[in-house]
């Protein structure tokens, strides 16, 4: 549905079709500067309604700043933000009550119990009393509701923060690094909770992380940000290249000659031959011709980049491009 973003272009190509869901969030060229420093540059984010959007990038890439702009906590230097089809900030009063958030960790009174903290939030937001019990149930804290929050484990504190975000029954949830610092069991609990919120309750979730493995296990769509620039937006599967065919043969030169005679363009690397993707019929014909010619074929496989390789290729290349080059004077002093 989305296409990779080139380094020279700030726009995101997306293929529209009749199956495209409505969008909970859509931004156009949002930029945030602090003085002469550009923290976020020309972001075009599109988040489908009812899906989990993984906002992936290294620490300091601009994830938290972007989320703060989406919540109206900081104003973009330029660009437009539309949430639920309405403009932010002009429709802020209509938009924000429909959003729950957990940015830069949960905030609560440690000497109060979990339920007391939630009641304070419910009173402030004029939510019914029933919303407290419902939120505790969703995050599985009902049995620990009376315990002081300072006695909660880190994972329980994160779940309490998510319960606070859910107290108003939001349609959209923004979670900033919710699994940061958790042990594997805590990570799995938060991940399962996020997936259930989207799948069972239809809540749109934007969740940020610097860990590819976490986003891979829960996100429907991802946005990859590096040095304030959105480098990719789409599914993780589409992030990987289409791949190429690899044939392990002997003798390799004879095999390459026969493949060229079929009009193909083999590339030799050691005892392997690489070919672009072919139809099944053409692959079968090529293999049959090689076997008839006495060429031994040990293996035929489709080889693709791993998600990690594709992710690192994007972020590391972007980091090199974003890194300021030393001046001639600086070079001469080195």
Protein backbone atom coordinates (compact mmCIF):
# COMPACT_ATOMS: atom_id res chain seq x y z
CA UNK A 1 0.00 0.00 0.00
CA UNK A 2 2.94 2.30 0.61
CA UNK A 3 6.27 2.68 -1.14
CA UNK A 4 9.81 3.23 0.08
CA UNK A 5 10.94 6.85 0.40
CA UNK A 6 14.00 7.86 -1.56
CA UNK A 7 16.71 9.90 0.18
CA UNK A 8 16.12 12.82 -2.17
CA UNK A 9 12.36 12.95 -1.81
CA UNK A 10 10.25 13.92 1.17
CA UNK A 11 7.04 12.58 -0.32
CA UNK A 12 5.58 9.13 0.22
CA UNK A 13 4.08 7.30 -2.69
CA UNK A 14 1.01 5.28 -1.82
CA UNK A 15 -1.22 3.22 -4.05
CA UNK A 16 -4.86 4.06 -3.43
CA UNK A 17 -7.53 1.47 -3.94
CA UNK A 18 -11.10 0.85 -2.93
CA UNK A 19 -9.96 -1.30 0.02
CA UNK A 20 -7.93 1.48 1.66
CA UNK A 21 -9.30 2.12 5.17
CA UNK A 22 -10.03 5.62 6.47
CA UNK A 23 -7.11 7.30 8.17
CA UNK A 24 -6.93 8.18 11.85
CA UNK A 25 -3.88 10.42 11.31
CA UNK A 26 -2.59 12.12 8.20
CA UNK A 27 0.20 14.71 8.22
CA UNK A 28 1.60 16.82 5.45
CA UNK A 29 5.16 18.09 5.65
CA UNK A 30 5.30 18.61 9.42
CA UNK A 31 8.61 20.08 10.56
CA UNK A 32 9.86 21.03 14.01
CA UNK A 33 12.83 23.32 14.61
CA UNK A 34 14.40 24.49 17.84
CA UNK A 35 16.45 27.51 16.86
CA UNK A 36 18.70 26.43 14.01
CA UNK A 37 18.28 22.73 14.78
CA UNK A 38 15.74 20.76 12.75
CA UNK A 39 14.50 17.88 14.93
CA UNK A 40 11.75 16.64 12.59
CA UNK A 41 11.77 17.39 8.86
CA UNK A 42 8.89 17.30 6.39
CA UNK A 43 7.08 14.20 7.72
CA UNK A 44 4.15 12.78 5.76
CA UNK A 45 2.60 10.19 8.08
CA UNK A 46 -0.49 8.17 7.20
CA UNK A 47 -2.01 5.91 9.89
CA UNK A 48 -4.93 3.64 8.87
CA UNK A 49 -7.83 3.54 11.29
CA UNK A 50 -8.09 0.46 13.52
CA UNK A 51 -4.52 -0.65 12.82
CA UNK A 52 -1.26 -0.75 14.78
CA UNK A 53 1.28 1.71 13.38
CA UNK A 54 4.85 0.99 14.46
CA UNK A 55 6.97 4.14 14.62
CA UNK A 56 10.47 2.76 14.40
CA UNK A 57 13.80 4.52 14.73
CA UNK A 58 16.98 4.88 16.78
CA UNK A 59 17.03 6.89 19.99
CA UNK A 60 17.03 10.60 19.19
CA UNK A 61 15.50 10.11 15.74
CA UNK A 62 12.50 12.38 16.45
CA UNK A 63 9.84 9.87 17.55
CA UNK A 64 8.81 11.57 20.81
CA UNK A 65 8.82 15.03 19.23
CA UNK A 66 6.53 13.79 16.46
CA UNK A 67 4.10 12.26 18.95
CA UNK A 68 4.05 15.47 20.98
CA UNK A 69 3.10 17.39 17.83
CA UNK A 70 0.28 14.92 17.15
CA UNK A 71 -1.03 15.56 20.67
CA UNK A 72 -0.78 19.33 20.43
CA UNK A 73 1.88 19.39 23.18
CA UNK A 74 4.29 21.19 20.89
CA UNK A 75 3.48 23.17 17.78
CA UNK A 76 4.99 22.26 14.40
CA UNK A 77 7.19 24.91 12.85
CA UNK A 78 5.43 24.16 9.57
CA UNK A 79 3.14 21.55 8.01
CA UNK A 80 -0.38 20.26 8.60
CA UNK A 81 -1.85 17.63 10.92
CA UNK A 82 -5.26 16.06 10.41
CA UNK A 83 -6.67 13.61 12.96
CA UNK A 84 -10.04 11.92 12.36
CA UNK A 85 -10.24 14.14 9.27
CA UNK A 86 -10.07 17.33 11.36
CA UNK A 87 -7.34 19.91 11.48
CA UNK A 88 -5.06 20.22 14.50
CA UNK A 89 -4.87 22.66 16.26
CA UNK A 90 -8.04 24.41 15.05
CA UNK A 91 -10.23 21.42 16.07
CA UNK A 92 -8.18 20.56 19.17
CA UNK A 93 -11.20 20.59 21.50
CA UNK A 94 -12.97 17.95 19.37
CA UNK A 95 -9.88 15.82 18.66
CA UNK A 96 -8.03 15.44 21.96
CA UNK A 97 -10.87 13.86 24.01
CA UNK A 98 -10.81 10.99 21.51
CA UNK A 99 -7.08 10.30 22.08
CA UNK A 100 -5.25 8.49 24.87
CA UNK A 101 -1.48 8.71 25.27
CA UNK A 102 1.55 7.56 27.19
CA UNK A 103 4.54 9.75 26.35
CA UNK A 104 7.98 9.38 27.98
CA UNK A 105 6.74 7.03 30.72
CA UNK A 106 3.70 6.95 33.02
CA UNK A 107 3.03 9.76 35.53
CA UNK A 108 1.26 8.86 38.77
CA UNK A 109 1.32 9.43 42.54
CA UNK A 110 3.50 6.64 43.98
CA UNK A 111 1.94 6.76 47.46
CA UNK A 112 -1.56 6.23 46.04
CA UNK A 113 -2.91 2.89 44.92
CA UNK A 114 -3.46 2.03 41.29
CA UNK A 115 -7.22 2.49 41.60
CA UNK A 116 -6.82 5.82 43.41
CA UNK A 117 -4.57 7.12 40.65
CA UNK A 118 -7.12 6.07 38.04
CA UNK A 119 -9.98 7.70 39.97
CA UNK A 120 -8.08 11.01 39.94
CA UNK A 121 -7.69 10.78 36.17
CA UNK A 122 -11.35 9.79 35.74
CA UNK A 123 -12.50 12.74 37.87
CA UNK A 124 -10.30 15.16 35.95
CA UNK A 125 -11.66 13.93 32.61
CA UNK A 126 -15.25 13.70 33.92
CA UNK A 127 -15.38 9.99 33.11
CA UNK A 128 -17.92 7.68 34.78
CA UNK A 129 -16.79 5.62 37.77
CA UNK A 130 -17.27 2.43 35.76
CA UNK A 131 -14.40 3.47 33.48
CA UNK A 132 -11.91 2.87 36.30
CA UNK A 133 -12.86 -0.78 36.77
CA UNK A 134 -13.01 -1.27 33.01
CA UNK A 135 -9.51 0.14 32.50
CA UNK A 136 -8.09 -2.00 35.32
CA UNK A 137 -9.65 -5.08 33.76
CA UNK A 138 -8.29 -4.34 30.30
CA UNK A 139 -4.69 -4.05 31.55
CA UNK A 140 -5.09 -6.94 34.01
CA UNK A 141 -4.45 -4.91 37.18
CA UNK A 142 -7.71 -5.65 38.99
CA UNK A 143 -6.03 -7.90 41.57
CA UNK A 144 -3.36 -5.26 42.28
CA UNK A 145 -5.68 -2.25 42.26
CA UNK A 146 -5.36 -1.52 46.00
CA UNK A 147 -1.58 -1.82 46.12
CA UNK A 148 0.44 1.45 46.28
CA UNK A 149 1.81 2.29 42.85
CA UNK A 150 5.36 2.54 44.22
CA UNK A 151 5.21 -1.21 44.90
CA UNK A 152 4.35 -2.02 41.29
CA UNK A 153 6.91 -3.68 39.05
CA UNK A 154 8.09 -1.71 36.01
CA UNK A 155 5.73 -3.69 33.79
CA UNK A 156 2.80 -3.02 36.11
CA UNK A 157 3.64 0.70 36.12
CA UNK A 158 3.58 0.69 32.32
CA UNK A 159 0.20 -1.06 32.36
CA UNK A 160 -1.09 1.49 34.86
CA UNK A 161 0.02 4.24 32.47
CA UNK A 162 -1.83 2.55 29.63
CA UNK A 163 -4.91 2.20 31.86
CA UNK A 164 -4.79 5.96 32.44
CA UNK A 165 -4.65 6.48 28.68
CA UNK A 166 -7.66 4.18 28.24
CA UNK A 167 -9.83 5.74 30.95
CA UNK A 168 -11.70 7.97 28.48
CA UNK A 169 -12.37 5.07 26.05
CA UNK A 170 -10.27 6.63 23.25
CA UNK A 171 -10.42 5.80 19.56
CA UNK A 172 -6.71 6.52 19.11
CA UNK A 173 -3.82 5.57 21.41
CA UNK A 174 -0.28 6.99 21.20
CA UNK A 175 2.32 4.98 23.12
CA UNK A 176 5.93 6.17 23.28
CA UNK A 177 8.38 3.27 23.84
CA UNK A 178 5.95 1.36 26.15
CA UNK A 179 8.24 -1.69 26.41
CA UNK A 180 11.43 0.24 27.15
CA UNK A 181 13.35 -1.29 30.07
CA UNK A 182 11.00 -4.23 30.57
CA UNK A 183 12.11 -7.83 30.99
CA UNK A 184 11.01 -10.36 28.31
CA UNK A 185 7.86 -11.30 30.23
CA UNK A 186 6.88 -7.65 30.65
CA UNK A 187 7.53 -6.96 26.98
CA UNK A 188 5.30 -9.88 25.98
CA UNK A 189 2.50 -8.63 28.27
CA UNK A 190 2.54 -5.11 26.83
CA UNK A 191 2.74 -6.44 23.27
CA UNK A 192 -0.24 -8.73 23.81
CA UNK A 193 -2.20 -5.87 25.36
CA UNK A 194 -1.52 -3.57 22.40
CA UNK A 195 -2.52 -6.24 19.89
CA UNK A 196 -5.77 -6.92 21.76
CA UNK A 197 -6.63 -3.22 21.93
CA UNK A 198 -6.46 -3.00 18.15
CA UNK A 199 -7.86 -6.40 17.18
CA UNK A 200 -10.66 -6.75 19.75
CA UNK A 201 -11.56 -3.14 20.53
CA UNK A 202 -10.83 -1.48 17.20
CA UNK A 203 -8.54 1.15 18.72
CA UNK A 204 -5.97 2.70 16.40
CA UNK A 205 -2.56 2.43 18.06
CA UNK A 206 0.60 4.35 17.21
CA UNK A 207 3.47 2.76 19.12
CA UNK A 208 7.09 3.88 18.95
CA UNK A 209 10.18 1.75 19.53
CA UNK A 210 13.85 1.54 18.63
CA UNK A 211 13.62 -2.27 18.46
CA UNK A 212 12.78 -3.83 15.11
CA UNK A 213 11.96 -7.18 16.74
CA UNK A 214 9.21 -5.61 18.86
CA UNK A 215 7.55 -3.66 16.05
CA UNK A 216 7.79 -6.69 13.74
CA UNK A 217 5.63 -8.76 16.09
CA UNK A 218 2.71 -6.35 16.40
CA UNK A 219 2.57 -3.63 13.74
CA UNK A 220 0.40 -3.71 10.61
CA UNK A 221 2.15 -0.68 9.13
CA UNK A 222 5.48 0.90 10.03
CA UNK A 223 7.11 4.27 9.65
CA UNK A 224 10.90 4.34 9.93
CA UNK A 225 12.40 7.63 11.05
CA UNK A 226 16.09 8.53 11.11
CA UNK A 227 17.59 11.91 11.98
CA UNK A 228 14.14 13.52 11.76
CA UNK A 229 13.39 12.19 8.25
CA UNK A 230 10.81 9.51 7.42
CA UNK A 231 12.76 6.95 5.39
CA UNK A 232 10.06 4.36 4.83
CA UNK A 233 6.34 3.86 5.36
CA UNK A 234 4.46 0.67 4.61
CA UNK A 235 4.39 -2.97 5.65
CA UNK A 236 7.53 -4.65 6.94
CA UNK A 237 7.16 -7.33 4.27
CA UNK A 238 7.37 -4.69 1.53
CA UNK A 239 10.49 -3.26 3.17
CA UNK A 240 12.37 -6.32 2.00
CA UNK A 241 13.40 -6.45 -1.65
CA UNK A 242 11.76 -8.91 -4.04
CA UNK A 243 14.93 -10.92 -4.04
CA UNK A 244 16.68 -12.93 -6.73
CA UNK A 245 17.16 -16.56 -7.73
CA UNK A 246 20.36 -18.37 -6.77
CA UNK A 247 21.45 -21.61 -8.42
CA UNK A 248 24.33 -23.65 -7.03
CA UNK A 249 25.68 -25.60 -9.99
CA UNK A 250 28.72 -27.47 -11.35
CA UNK A 251 30.34 -26.70 -13.70
CA UNK A 252 29.25 -23.13 -13.13
CA UNK A 253 30.62 -21.64 -16.37
CA UNK A 254 28.82 -24.23 -18.49
CA UNK A 255 25.60 -23.54 -16.61
CA UNK A 256 25.94 -19.81 -17.18
CA UNK A 257 26.50 -20.38 -20.91
CA UNK A 258 23.33 -22.47 -21.22
CA UNK A 259 21.30 -19.86 -19.31
CA UNK A 260 22.59 -17.12 -21.62
CA UNK A 261 21.46 -19.23 -24.58
CA UNK A 262 17.96 -19.10 -23.10
CA UNK A 263 18.09 -15.30 -23.16
CA UNK A 264 18.73 -14.94 -19.43
CA UNK A 265 21.35 -12.78 -17.70
CA UNK A 266 23.23 -14.92 -15.18
CA UNK A 267 25.74 -13.41 -12.75
CA UNK A 268 28.47 -15.73 -11.43
CA UNK A 269 29.71 -15.55 -7.82
CA UNK A 270 31.90 -18.52 -6.87
CA UNK A 271 29.94 -21.69 -7.58
CA UNK A 272 26.63 -19.84 -7.55
CA UNK A 273 24.65 -18.16 -10.30
CA UNK A 274 22.27 -15.28 -9.61
CA UNK A 275 19.24 -14.56 -11.77
CA UNK A 276 16.43 -12.02 -11.53
CA UNK A 277 13.01 -13.34 -10.52
CA UNK A 278 11.51 -15.62 -13.18
CA UNK A 279 8.15 -17.25 -13.73
CA UNK A 280 7.74 -20.83 -12.53
CA UNK A 281 7.52 -22.07 -16.13
CA UNK A 282 10.78 -20.35 -17.10
CA UNK A 283 12.55 -21.70 -14.02
CA UNK A 284 11.37 -25.23 -14.85
CA UNK A 285 12.55 -24.84 -18.45
CA UNK A 286 15.96 -23.53 -17.36
CA UNK A 287 16.49 -26.36 -14.87
CA UNK A 288 15.41 -28.95 -17.44
CA UNK A 289 17.87 -27.56 -20.02
CA UNK A 290 20.73 -27.60 -17.51
CA UNK A 291 20.04 -31.18 -16.40
CA UNK A 292 19.82 -32.33 -20.05
CA UNK A 293 23.19 -30.65 -20.69
CA UNK A 294 24.77 -32.61 -17.83
CA UNK A 295 25.02 -29.72 -15.37
CA UNK A 296 24.69 -30.73 -11.71
CA UNK A 297 22.22 -28.57 -9.76
CA UNK A 298 22.67 -28.73 -6.00
CA UNK A 299 20.18 -26.03 -5.06
CA UNK A 300 17.73 -23.46 -6.46
CA UNK A 301 16.53 -20.83 -3.99
CA UNK A 302 14.97 -17.41 -3.67
CA UNK A 303 17.30 -15.17 -1.70
CA UNK A 304 16.08 -11.96 -0.07
CA UNK A 305 17.43 -9.45 2.41
CA UNK A 306 16.38 -10.04 5.98
CA UNK A 307 14.24 -7.39 7.64
CA UNK A 308 17.19 -6.47 9.83
CA UNK A 309 19.45 -6.00 6.80
CA UNK A 310 16.86 -3.81 5.07
CA UNK A 311 16.27 -1.76 8.24
CA UNK A 312 19.98 -1.21 8.89
CA UNK A 313 20.57 -0.36 5.26
CA UNK A 314 17.96 2.40 5.53
CA UNK A 315 18.99 3.83 8.89
CA UNK A 316 22.75 3.52 8.56
CA UNK A 317 22.80 5.01 5.06
CA UNK A 318 20.56 7.82 6.30
CA UNK A 319 22.86 8.48 9.24
CA UNK A 320 25.85 8.83 6.92
CA UNK A 321 23.93 11.25 4.70
CA UNK A 322 22.66 13.27 7.68
CA UNK A 323 26.10 13.52 9.31
CA UNK A 324 27.62 16.96 8.66
CA UNK A 325 30.86 16.88 6.72
CA UNK A 326 33.92 18.64 8.21
CA UNK A 327 35.00 21.87 6.58
CA UNK A 328 38.27 22.10 4.65
CA UNK A 329 39.82 23.85 7.64
CA UNK A 330 38.74 21.04 9.95
CA UNK A 331 40.09 18.43 7.53
CA UNK A 332 43.46 20.16 7.35
CA UNK A 333 43.74 20.17 11.15
CA UNK A 334 42.96 16.46 11.44
